[in-house]
Every structure is written in C-alpha cells, then in structure tokens.
Amino acid sequence: MVLLQPDPFLNELTSMYERSTEKGSVWVTLKRSSMKSKVKRNKMKSAGEAIEYRCLVRATDGKKTIATKVSAKDHQRFQASYATVLKAHMHALKKRERKDKKKAVEGDKKREGSKKLASSTSSA
C-alpha cells in the first residue's frame, strides 16, 4: 500500500478509474484513524493530550492499492475534489433494469386476487 498526499492520490484514483472503465472495479474505503498505535493512544489519553483523528482513504482495483490521510481542516477541499472525480467517472456504470410500474401493479393485484380466492375456497 502506497501512502500518498491528497492531490497525487486523486490523480492516481482518476487513472485507476480510467483503467477500469471497460472491465473491472475500483473499491474506495474511508475510515477514521489517529495513525497511532493503541498503546500510544492510551498513553496520550491518560496524559490528557488531545488525539487528532484523520480520515484514512484507501482505494484498490485488485492489483494496486493506494491510500492517503486527510486532516479535518483539509476535509472540505478533498471531498469537493473527490466528488468531481466520482462524477466524471460515473458513465461506466450499468443502467438498472426497471419493471414497468403498470405491469408491476397489475401483477400484484392478480396475486392478491388469487390469494383471496384460494383462502375462500379452502374455508368452505
């Protein structure tokens, strides 16, 4: 895993999306992290020091994994840039097949009607 600064991370994420447009996926995870071990965090907590949490962002396409850490003050700018990258590469998504609403409603009515008939014939 390669830890990059936020701007090079977004550039590399863009190239990952471009490589996977025809075939493949890109997974992105975000996680709160202090970037310190549990022992150090407990020592800081007992000493009364404030722990600065960051956002750890990881991306992988199955072959290559990249990561960055984003501080609270840079979070707004990073999110805006990340949203731009996502919007630019949403065209590779497949359209969802939807059922026609009228056909779905008619199918539900037919099923309900057949249930009522079955229950009335079994009780007689």
Foldseek 3Di string as FASTA:
>chain_A
DAEDELVVVLVVVLVLLVVPLVHFDKDKDKDKALPDDPVVVVVCVVVVHDGFIWIKMWMDRPPDIYIYTGGPVCVVVSVVSNVVSCVVRPVSDDDDDDDDPVVVVVVVVVVVVVVVVVVVVVVD
